[in-house]
Amino acid sequence: MMKRVLTPVLFLFVLSACSEQEPETISLFNGVDLTGWHMDVPALDDNPDEIKPFLVRDGVLVTLGRPLGHLITDEIFENYRLEIDYRFPGEPGNGGVLIHASTPRALYNMFPQSIEVQMMHENAGDFWVIVEDIHVPDMVERRGPEENWGIREGEARRILKLVDGAESPVGDWNNMVVEVIENSIKVWVNGVFMNHGYDATASRGQIALQAEGAEMEFRKVELTPITEFTES
């Protein structure tokens, strides 16, 4: 009798405990407006009435590409899995998502201090370091001569992705996953493993989307906290 009573209760307790431990996915874009984000667009400093490059259209977050700038989360994040669906609806162009963003306009009086995961057409998955740094295997092959490496203007800041050909045709949606654990960043594009950096000089910060010359659309920007992991 004792066993028959305790077994289902214990099962429900364990099931409840497990469900409480599951991290909840957060949608950073609500499909309606830009709540939770703020813009940093230098051109608006002197011309506040100029058109803003970020908006919501038909339930999709849109960057018009110009004027140049960034849409930045109000909150700071660490240890997470970020999933973004994006596309270039018209002409192919440039764009990216910035990880561990902090000091505004730290580079070229435009880019916040951060590590960029590139979304530029045919270059998605590259890293660009912006007054932060990160290492990858085969560093010389993928970044160039070591004497040219740097994190500021005029220095070798681009780190090439591992493979080509993962992106969808222009006009079709791409899925990018960025996994951030402590000082490590891993990137997948459409399920293809594109990059892995480690020993990053930052492990937390804001997340930013770029207006960098081309119109882009984002239909999903979701973040899932990572609460359990093994150091690598």
Protein backbone atom coordinates (compact mmCIF):
# COMPACT_ATOMS: atom_id res chain seq x y z
CA MET A 1 0.00 0.00 0.00
CA MET A 2 2.78 2.40 0.93
CA LYS A 3 4.53 1.83 -2.38
CA ARG A 4 1.38 2.36 -4.42
CA VAL A 5 0.75 5.73 -2.78
CA LEU A 6 4.29 7.15 -2.93
CA THR A 7 5.25 6.15 -6.45
CA PRO A 8 2.90 8.49 -8.40
CA VAL A 9 3.52 11.33 -5.95
CA LEU A 10 7.26 10.96 -6.32
CA PHE A 11 6.88 10.80 -10.11
CA LEU A 12 4.87 14.02 -10.17
CA PHE A 13 7.41 15.72 -7.92
CA VAL A 14 10.30 14.75 -10.17
CA LEU A 15 8.37 15.74 -13.29
CA SER A 16 7.52 19.11 -11.75
CA ALA A 17 11.13 19.69 -10.70
CA CYS A 18 12.39 18.88 -14.19
CA SER A 19 9.89 21.20 -15.83
CA GLU A 20 10.90 24.01 -13.50
CA GLN A 21 14.52 23.61 -14.59
CA GLU A 22 13.78 23.90 -18.29
CA PRO A 23 14.87 27.33 -19.55
CA GLU A 24 12.16 29.47 -21.07
CA THR A 25 12.65 30.82 -24.59
CA ILE A 26 12.21 34.58 -24.76
CA SER A 27 11.07 36.37 -27.90
CA LEU A 28 13.13 39.56 -28.10
CA PHE A 29 10.84 40.85 -30.86
CA ASN A 30 7.14 40.94 -30.04
CA GLY A 31 5.90 41.27 -33.63
CA VAL A 32 4.17 44.57 -32.89
CA ASP A 33 6.70 47.25 -31.97
CA LEU A 34 10.29 47.78 -30.80
CA THR A 35 9.62 47.35 -27.09
CA GLY A 36 12.79 46.14 -25.37
CA TRP A 37 15.09 47.80 -27.92
CA HIS A 38 16.56 51.25 -28.50
CA MET A 39 18.23 52.79 -31.55
CA ASP A 40 21.66 54.32 -31.80
CA VAL A 41 21.79 56.11 -35.16
CA PRO A 42 24.45 58.86 -35.34
CA ALA A 43 22.73 60.67 -38.23
CA LEU A 44 19.75 61.35 -35.96
CA ASP A 45 21.89 63.40 -33.56
CA ASP A 46 21.75 66.47 -35.80
CA ASN A 47 18.66 65.50 -37.80
CA PRO A 48 16.15 63.96 -35.37
CA ASP A 49 13.37 64.17 -37.95
CA GLU A 50 15.23 62.02 -40.49
CA ILE A 51 13.60 58.68 -41.21
CA LYS A 52 14.50 56.01 -38.65
CA PRO A 53 16.07 52.87 -40.12
CA PHE A 54 14.27 50.36 -37.88
CA LEU A 55 10.53 49.69 -37.91
CA VAL A 56 7.89 46.97 -37.74
CA ARG A 57 6.03 46.16 -40.95
CA ASP A 58 3.40 43.43 -41.29
CA GLY A 59 4.61 41.75 -38.12
CA VAL A 60 8.24 41.68 -39.26
CA LEU A 61 11.14 43.69 -37.84
CA VAL A 62 12.71 45.66 -40.69
CA THR A 63 15.95 47.55 -41.08
CA LEU A 64 15.87 49.88 -44.07
CA GLY A 65 19.67 49.90 -44.16
CA ARG A 66 20.03 53.69 -43.96
CA PRO A 67 20.80 55.84 -42.12
CA LEU A 68 23.44 53.56 -40.64
CA GLY A 69 23.10 52.53 -37.04
CA HIS A 70 22.11 49.85 -34.57
CA LEU A 71 19.05 48.52 -32.79
CA ILE A 72 20.19 47.46 -29.34
CA THR A 73 18.50 45.44 -26.61
CA ASP A 74 17.80 47.30 -23.39
CA GLU A 75 18.89 44.25 -21.40
CA ILE A 76 22.27 42.59 -20.99
CA PHE A 77 22.54 38.84 -21.61
CA GLU A 78 25.01 36.03 -20.99
CA ASN A 79 25.00 32.26 -21.60
CA TYR A 80 22.27 31.81 -24.18
CA ARG A 81 21.18 30.38 -27.49
CA LEU A 82 20.04 33.07 -29.94
CA GLU A 83 17.95 32.06 -32.95
CA ILE A 84 17.24 34.54 -35.75
CA ASP A 85 15.30 34.16 -38.99
CA TYR A 86 16.39 36.85 -41.47
CA ARG A 87 16.42 37.62 -45.16
CA PHE A 88 17.23 40.25 -47.76
CA PRO A 89 13.83 40.84 -49.40
CA GLY A 90 15.26 42.71 -52.38
CA GLU A 91 18.90 43.23 -53.21
CA PRO A 92 21.64 41.31 -51.36
CA GLY A 93 23.68 43.40 -48.97
CA ASN A 94 25.33 43.78 -45.60
CA GLY A 95 24.14 43.31 -42.04
CA GLY A 96 24.91 41.47 -38.84
CA VAL A 97 24.11 40.69 -35.24
CA LEU A 98 26.43 42.01 -32.54
CA ILE A 99 27.13 39.92 -29.45
CA HIS A 100 28.36 41.32 -26.10
CA ALA A 101 27.68 44.90 -27.18
CA SER A 102 28.71 47.53 -24.63
CA THR A 103 30.29 50.96 -25.20
CA PRO A 104 28.36 52.80 -27.95
CA ARG A 105 30.18 54.13 -31.04
CA ALA A 106 33.50 52.61 -30.03
CA LEU A 107 34.62 52.08 -33.65
CA TYR A 108 34.35 54.62 -36.48
CA ASN A 109 32.03 56.59 -34.19
CA MET A 110 29.39 54.05 -35.25
CA PHE A 111 29.83 50.46 -34.02
CA PRO A 112 29.40 49.54 -30.36
CA GLN A 113 32.16 47.55 -28.71
CA SER A 114 31.17 43.96 -29.48
CA ILE A 115 31.80 40.84 -31.56
CA GLU A 116 29.85 40.78 -34.80
CA VAL A 117 28.42 37.63 -36.30
CA GLN A 118 28.23 38.57 -39.95
CA MET A 119 25.02 38.29 -41.99
CA MET A 120 26.34 39.90 -45.16
CA HIS A 121 25.19 37.91 -48.20
CA GLU A 122 27.62 35.03 -48.92
CA ASN A 123 29.60 35.90 -45.78
CA ALA A 124 27.17 34.87 -43.03
CA GLY A 125 29.03 33.28 -40.13
CA ASP A 126 32.22 35.34 -40.29
CA PHE A 127 33.32 37.07 -37.08
CA TRP A 128 34.28 40.74 -37.02
CA VAL A 129 35.87 41.93 -33.78
CA ILE A 130 34.97 45.44 -32.65
CA VAL A 131 37.17 46.62 -29.76
CA GLU A 132 36.78 43.09 -28.35
CA ASP A 133 38.62 39.98 -29.53
CA ILE A 134 38.15 36.25 -29.99
CA HIS A 135 40.30 33.32 -31.11
CA VAL A 136 39.56 30.48 -33.52
CA PRO A 137 41.49 27.42 -34.72
CA ASP A 138 43.73 28.06 -37.75
CA MET A 139 43.87 31.74 -36.81
CA VAL A 140 46.50 32.82 -39.35
CA GLU A 141 44.75 31.06 -42.22
CA ARG A 142 41.41 32.65 -41.35
CA ARG A 143 42.53 36.11 -40.19
CA GLY A 144 45.77 36.76 -42.04
CA PRO A 145 49.29 37.54 -40.78
CA GLU A 146 49.41 37.90 -37.00
CA GLU A 147 51.18 41.26 -37.16
CA ASN A 148 48.07 42.74 -38.78
CA TRP A 149 45.57 41.52 -36.18
CA GLY A 150 43.77 44.13 -34.18
CA ILE A 151 40.44 45.31 -32.85
CA ARG A 152 40.33 48.91 -34.07
CA GLU A 153 40.24 50.95 -37.27
CA GLY A 154 42.55 49.77 -40.05
CA GLU A 155 43.47 46.46 -38.37
CA ALA A 156 42.66 42.87 -39.39
CA ARG A 157 39.34 42.36 -37.60
CA ARG A 158 37.66 39.81 -39.88
CA ILE A 159 37.81 36.07 -39.06
CA LEU A 160 36.53 33.89 -41.88
CA LYS A 161 33.83 31.26 -41.41
CA LEU A 162 34.60 27.58 -41.83
CA VAL A 163 32.49 26.75 -44.90
CA ASP A 164 30.72 28.43 -47.81
CA GLY A 165 27.39 27.82 -49.44
CA ALA A 166 25.08 27.52 -46.43
CA GLU A 167 22.90 30.57 -47.16
CA SER A 168 19.52 30.56 -48.87
CA PRO A 169 18.99 32.48 -52.13
CA VAL A 170 18.21 36.18 -51.80
CA GLY A 171 14.56 36.61 -50.91
CA ASP A 172 14.37 33.33 -48.97
CA TRP A 173 14.64 33.09 -45.20
CA ASN A 174 17.86 32.12 -43.43
CA ASN A 175 18.06 30.66 -39.94
CA MET A 176 21.04 31.64 -37.79
CA VAL A 177 21.77 30.15 -34.38
CA VAL A 178 24.39 31.72 -32.13
CA GLU A 179 25.33 29.81 -28.98
CA VAL A 180 27.09 31.90 -26.34
CA ILE A 181 28.62 30.12 -23.35
CA GLU A 182 31.00 32.12 -21.17
CA ASN A 183 33.83 33.18 -23.53
CA SER A 184 32.83 30.89 -26.40
CA ILE A 185 30.65 31.68 -29.43
CA LYS A 186 29.39 29.06 -31.91
CA VAL A 187 27.43 29.83 -35.08
CA TRP A 188 25.17 27.79 -37.36
CA VAL A 189 23.48 29.01 -40.56
CA ASN A 190 20.59 26.90 -41.86
CA GLY A 191 21.81 24.04 -39.72
CA VAL A 192 25.41 24.18 -41.00
CA PHE A 193 28.15 24.73 -38.41
CA MET A 194 29.92 27.91 -39.52
CA ASN A 195 32.22 29.15 -36.78
CA HIS A 196 33.52 28.59 -33.26
CA GLY A 197 35.43 31.23 -31.35
CA TYR A 198 36.85 30.93 -27.85
CA ASP A 199 38.72 33.04 -25.29
CA ALA A 200 36.57 36.03 -26.17
CA THR A 201 37.45 39.18 -24.24
CA ALA A 202 33.80 39.59 -23.19
CA SER A 203 31.22 37.12 -21.91
CA ARG A 204 28.12 39.28 -21.51
CA GLY A 205 26.50 42.33 -23.02
CA GLN A 206 23.65 43.63 -25.12
CA ILE A 207 22.59 42.23 -28.50
CA ALA A 208 22.37 44.54 -31.51
CA LEU A 209 21.08 44.34 -35.08
CA GLN A 210 22.68 46.51 -37.75
CA ALA A 211 21.40 48.95 -40.32
CA GLU A 212 24.33 48.68 -42.69
CA GLY A 213 23.15 49.74 -46.12
CA ALA A 214 20.72 46.99 -47.15
CA GLU A 215 17.09 46.37 -46.29
CA MET A 216 16.72 43.27 -44.11
CA GLU A 217 13.79 41.57 -42.44
CA PHE A 218 13.72 39.60 -39.19
CA ARG A 219 10.70 37.42 -38.39
CA LYS A 220 12.21 35.65 -35.38
CA VAL A 221 14.63 36.87 -32.71
CA GLU A 222 14.45 34.37 -29.85
CA LEU A 223 16.76 33.79 -26.91
CA THR A 224 16.93 30.71 -24.71
CA PRO A 225 19.06 30.95 -21.55
CA ILE A 226 21.66 28.22 -21.09
CA THR A 227 21.77 27.32 -17.42
CA GLU A 228 23.76 24.10 -17.51
CA PHE A 229 26.91 23.56 -19.51
CA THR A 230 30.35 22.00 -19.41
CA GLU A 231 33.33 24.31 -19.74
CA SER A 232 35.28 23.79 -22.97
